[in-house]
Amino acid sequence: MWPSLAGGGVVVFLFGLFFTLNGIGFAIPFMIVGPIMIIAALILPEVPPVKPENPNMKYCRFCLKEIPLQAETCPECGLLPD
């Protein structure tokens, strides 16, 4: 389950409901997309986290290169990985 996708779907649906109740004309797409997002959140499998093969390495969250586990900054992009 994707909780953020389901939460976003609820928010989008509520915006559509608010627009409909106030007579704003473009509310129908919101009323359609919100439930689709909620259903997709329930159907789509959660992606398992990817871990490097070498236990002494980790992935930089910015450039996605493998870096040493003890690295203070990423040697590729120069940013703080954690």
N, C-alpha and C. Protein backbone atom coordinates (compact mmCIF):
# COMPACT_ATOMS: atom_id res chain seq x y z
N MET A 1 0.84 -1.18 0.00
CA MET A 1 0.00 0.00 0.00
C MET A 1 0.88 1.24 0.00
N TRP A 2 0.43 2.26 -0.68
CA TRP A 2 1.13 3.53 -0.76
C TRP A 2 0.32 4.57 0.02
N PRO A 3 0.64 4.80 1.30
CA PRO A 3 -0.19 5.71 2.11
C PRO A 3 -0.21 7.14 1.59
N SER A 4 0.90 7.63 1.05
CA SER A 4 0.91 9.01 0.58
C SER A 4 0.03 9.17 -0.67
N LEU A 5 -0.01 8.14 -1.51
CA LEU A 5 -0.87 8.19 -2.69
C LEU A 5 -2.34 8.15 -2.28
N ALA A 6 -2.67 7.31 -1.30
CA ALA A 6 -4.04 7.24 -0.82
C ALA A 6 -4.45 8.55 -0.15
N GLY A 7 -3.57 9.12 0.65
CA GLY A 7 -3.87 10.41 1.29
C GLY A 7 -4.05 11.51 0.27
N GLY A 8 -3.21 11.52 -0.74
CA GLY A 8 -3.37 12.50 -1.81
C GLY A 8 -4.68 12.33 -2.55
N GLY A 9 -5.09 11.08 -2.76
CA GLY A 9 -6.36 10.82 -3.42
C GLY A 9 -7.53 11.33 -2.61
N VAL A 10 -7.46 11.18 -1.30
CA VAL A 10 -8.53 11.69 -0.43
C VAL A 10 -8.59 13.22 -0.53
N VAL A 11 -7.42 13.87 -0.50
CA VAL A 11 -7.38 15.33 -0.58
C VAL A 11 -7.93 15.81 -1.92
N VAL A 12 -7.53 15.15 -3.02
CA VAL A 12 -8.02 15.54 -4.35
C VAL A 12 -9.53 15.36 -4.43
N PHE A 13 -10.04 14.25 -3.91
CA PHE A 13 -11.48 14.02 -3.92
C PHE A 13 -12.22 15.07 -3.10
N LEU A 14 -11.67 15.43 -1.93
CA LEU A 14 -12.33 16.44 -1.10
C LEU A 14 -12.33 17.81 -1.77
N PHE A 15 -11.25 18.15 -2.49
CA PHE A 15 -11.25 19.38 -3.28
C PHE A 15 -12.35 19.34 -4.33
N GLY A 16 -12.49 18.21 -5.01
CA GLY A 16 -13.55 18.07 -6.00
C GLY A 16 -14.93 18.21 -5.38
N LEU A 17 -15.11 17.62 -4.21
CA LEU A 17 -16.39 17.73 -3.52
C LEU A 17 -16.67 19.18 -3.13
N PHE A 18 -15.65 19.86 -2.62
CA PHE A 18 -15.79 21.27 -2.25
C PHE A 18 -16.15 22.12 -3.47
N PHE A 19 -15.45 21.88 -4.58
CA PHE A 19 -15.73 22.65 -5.80
C PHE A 19 -17.15 22.36 -6.31
N THR A 20 -17.58 21.11 -6.21
CA THR A 20 -18.93 20.74 -6.66
C THR A 20 -19.99 21.44 -5.81
N LEU A 21 -19.80 21.42 -4.51
CA LEU A 21 -20.78 22.04 -3.62
C LEU A 21 -20.84 23.55 -3.79
N ASN A 22 -19.75 24.16 -4.24
CA ASN A 22 -19.73 25.60 -4.45
C ASN A 22 -20.05 26.00 -5.88
N GLY A 23 -20.37 25.04 -6.72
CA GLY A 23 -20.79 25.33 -8.08
C GLY A 23 -19.66 25.68 -9.03
N ILE A 24 -18.45 25.30 -8.69
CA ILE A 24 -17.32 25.56 -9.57
C ILE A 24 -17.29 24.47 -10.63
N GLY A 25 -17.18 24.85 -11.90
CA GLY A 25 -17.43 23.94 -13.00
C GLY A 25 -16.39 22.87 -13.27
N PHE A 26 -15.16 23.04 -12.85
CA PHE A 26 -14.12 22.07 -13.21
C PHE A 26 -13.89 21.02 -12.12
N ALA A 27 -14.90 20.68 -11.35
CA ALA A 27 -14.75 19.76 -10.23
C ALA A 27 -14.78 18.29 -10.64
N ILE A 28 -15.36 17.98 -11.79
CA ILE A 28 -15.52 16.58 -12.19
C ILE A 28 -14.18 15.84 -12.32
N PRO A 29 -13.15 16.42 -12.91
CA PRO A 29 -11.86 15.68 -12.95
C PRO A 29 -11.32 15.35 -11.57
N PHE A 30 -11.50 16.26 -10.62
CA PHE A 30 -11.05 15.98 -9.26
C PHE A 30 -11.84 14.82 -8.65
N MET A 31 -13.12 14.79 -8.92
CA MET A 31 -13.98 13.73 -8.38
C MET A 31 -13.66 12.37 -9.01
N ILE A 32 -13.08 12.37 -10.19
CA ILE A 32 -12.71 11.12 -10.86
C ILE A 32 -11.31 10.67 -10.46
N VAL A 33 -10.36 11.60 -10.44
CA VAL A 33 -8.96 11.25 -10.18
C VAL A 33 -8.74 10.84 -8.73
N GLY A 34 -9.44 11.46 -7.78
CA GLY A 34 -9.26 11.12 -6.37
C GLY A 34 -9.48 9.65 -6.07
N PRO A 35 -10.65 9.07 -6.44
CA PRO A 35 -10.86 7.64 -6.20
C PRO A 35 -9.88 6.75 -6.98
N ILE A 36 -9.48 7.18 -8.18
CA ILE A 36 -8.49 6.39 -8.93
C ILE A 36 -7.18 6.33 -8.16
N MET A 37 -6.76 7.44 -7.56
CA MET A 37 -5.53 7.45 -6.77
C MET A 37 -5.65 6.53 -5.55
N ILE A 38 -6.83 6.53 -4.91
CA ILE A 38 -7.03 5.68 -3.73
C ILE A 38 -6.99 4.20 -4.13
N ILE A 39 -7.66 3.85 -5.22
CA ILE A 39 -7.66 2.46 -5.69
C ILE A 39 -6.25 2.03 -6.10
N ALA A 40 -5.53 2.91 -6.79
CA ALA A 40 -4.15 2.58 -7.19
C ALA A 40 -3.27 2.37 -5.97
N ALA A 41 -3.48 3.15 -4.91
CA ALA A 41 -2.68 2.99 -3.70
C ALA A 41 -2.93 1.63 -3.05
N LEU A 42 -4.13 1.11 -3.18
CA LEU A 42 -4.45 -0.18 -2.58
C LEU A 42 -3.99 -1.35 -3.44
N ILE A 43 -3.96 -1.15 -4.76
CA ILE A 43 -3.64 -2.24 -5.68
C ILE A 43 -2.14 -2.39 -5.91
N LEU A 44 -1.44 -1.27 -6.08
CA LEU A 44 -0.02 -1.33 -6.44
C LEU A 44 0.81 -1.93 -5.30
N PRO A 45 1.71 -2.86 -5.63
CA PRO A 45 2.56 -3.43 -4.58
C PRO A 45 3.63 -2.42 -4.17
N GLU A 46 4.02 -2.50 -2.92
CA GLU A 46 5.06 -1.61 -2.42
C GLU A 46 6.42 -2.09 -2.92
N VAL A 47 7.24 -1.16 -3.33
CA VAL A 47 8.56 -1.49 -3.88
C VAL A 47 9.53 -1.72 -2.72
N PRO A 48 10.22 -2.87 -2.70
CA PRO A 48 11.17 -3.10 -1.62
C PRO A 48 12.38 -2.19 -1.78
N PRO A 49 13.00 -1.76 -0.68
CA PRO A 49 14.17 -0.90 -0.78
C PRO A 49 15.35 -1.64 -1.42
N VAL A 50 16.11 -0.93 -2.21
CA VAL A 50 17.27 -1.50 -2.89
C VAL A 50 18.50 -1.30 -2.01
N LYS A 51 19.22 -2.38 -1.77
CA LYS A 51 20.44 -2.31 -0.97
C LYS A 51 21.62 -2.75 -1.82
N PRO A 52 22.77 -2.12 -1.64
CA PRO A 52 23.95 -2.53 -2.42
C PRO A 52 24.37 -3.95 -2.08
N GLU A 53 25.03 -4.60 -3.04
CA GLU A 53 25.50 -5.97 -2.80
C GLU A 53 26.60 -6.00 -1.75
N ASN A 54 27.45 -5.00 -1.74
CA ASN A 54 28.53 -4.91 -0.76
C ASN A 54 27.96 -4.29 0.52
N PRO A 55 28.06 -4.98 1.68
CA PRO A 55 27.49 -4.44 2.92
C PRO A 55 28.22 -3.20 3.44
N ASN A 56 29.41 -2.90 2.91
CA ASN A 56 30.17 -1.72 3.35
C ASN A 56 29.87 -0.49 2.49
N MET A 57 28.86 -0.59 1.65
CA MET A 57 28.50 0.51 0.76
C MET A 57 27.05 0.91 1.00
N LYS A 58 26.70 2.12 0.54
CA LYS A 58 25.32 2.60 0.57
C LYS A 58 25.12 3.46 -0.67
N TYR A 59 23.88 3.80 -0.94
CA TYR A 59 23.57 4.64 -2.09
C TYR A 59 23.40 6.09 -1.64
N CYS A 60 23.95 7.00 -2.41
CA CYS A 60 23.72 8.43 -2.20
C CYS A 60 22.28 8.71 -2.61
N ARG A 61 21.54 9.41 -1.78
CA ARG A 61 20.13 9.64 -2.10
C ARG A 61 19.94 10.73 -3.15
N PHE A 62 21.00 11.42 -3.51
CA PHE A 62 20.89 12.47 -4.52
C PHE A 62 21.30 11.99 -5.90
N CYS A 63 22.47 11.35 -6.02
CA CYS A 63 22.95 10.93 -7.34
C CYS A 63 22.84 9.42 -7.55
N LEU A 64 22.47 8.67 -6.51
CA LEU A 64 22.24 7.22 -6.56
C LEU A 64 23.49 6.42 -6.90
N LYS A 65 24.67 6.96 -6.62
CA LYS A 65 25.93 6.22 -6.79
C LYS A 65 26.25 5.49 -5.49
N GLU A 66 26.94 4.36 -5.61
CA GLU A 66 27.38 3.64 -4.42
C GLU A 66 28.55 4.39 -3.81
N ILE A 67 28.46 4.60 -2.50
CA ILE A 67 29.53 5.28 -1.78
C ILE A 67 29.84 4.47 -0.52
N PRO A 68 31.02 4.65 0.07
CA PRO A 68 31.34 3.93 1.30
C PRO A 68 30.37 4.29 2.42
N LEU A 69 30.12 3.35 3.30
CA LEU A 69 29.16 3.52 4.38
C LEU A 69 29.57 4.66 5.32
N GLN A 70 30.86 4.86 5.52
CA GLN A 70 31.35 5.88 6.44
C GLN A 70 31.56 7.24 5.78
N ALA A 71 31.19 7.41 4.53
CA ALA A 71 31.47 8.65 3.80
C ALA A 71 30.69 9.82 4.41
N GLU A 72 31.38 10.93 4.60
CA GLU A 72 30.73 12.15 5.10
C GLU A 72 30.01 12.88 3.98
N THR A 73 30.65 12.93 2.81
CA THR A 73 30.03 13.53 1.62
C THR A 73 30.18 12.56 0.46
N CYS A 74 29.33 12.70 -0.52
CA CYS A 74 29.39 11.85 -1.70
C CYS A 74 30.53 12.32 -2.61
N PRO A 75 31.44 11.44 -3.01
CA PRO A 75 32.53 11.86 -3.89
C PRO A 75 32.06 12.23 -5.30
N GLU A 76 30.87 11.79 -5.70
CA GLU A 76 30.36 12.09 -7.04
C GLU A 76 29.70 13.47 -7.10
N CYS A 77 28.76 13.72 -6.17
CA CYS A 77 28.01 14.97 -6.24
C CYS A 77 28.41 15.97 -5.16
N GLY A 78 29.13 15.53 -4.13
CA GLY A 78 29.61 16.44 -3.08
C GLY A 78 28.58 16.79 -2.03
N LEU A 79 27.42 16.17 -2.05
CA LEU A 79 26.37 16.48 -1.07
C LEU A 79 26.42 15.49 0.09
N LEU A 80 25.77 15.85 1.19
CA LEU A 80 25.70 14.96 2.36
C LEU A 80 24.70 13.86 2.08
N PRO A 81 25.10 12.59 2.14
CA PRO A 81 24.18 11.50 1.80
C PRO A 81 23.11 11.24 2.84
N ASP A 82 23.31 11.62 4.08
CA ASP A 82 22.31 11.34 5.12
C ASP A 82 21.79 12.62 5.72
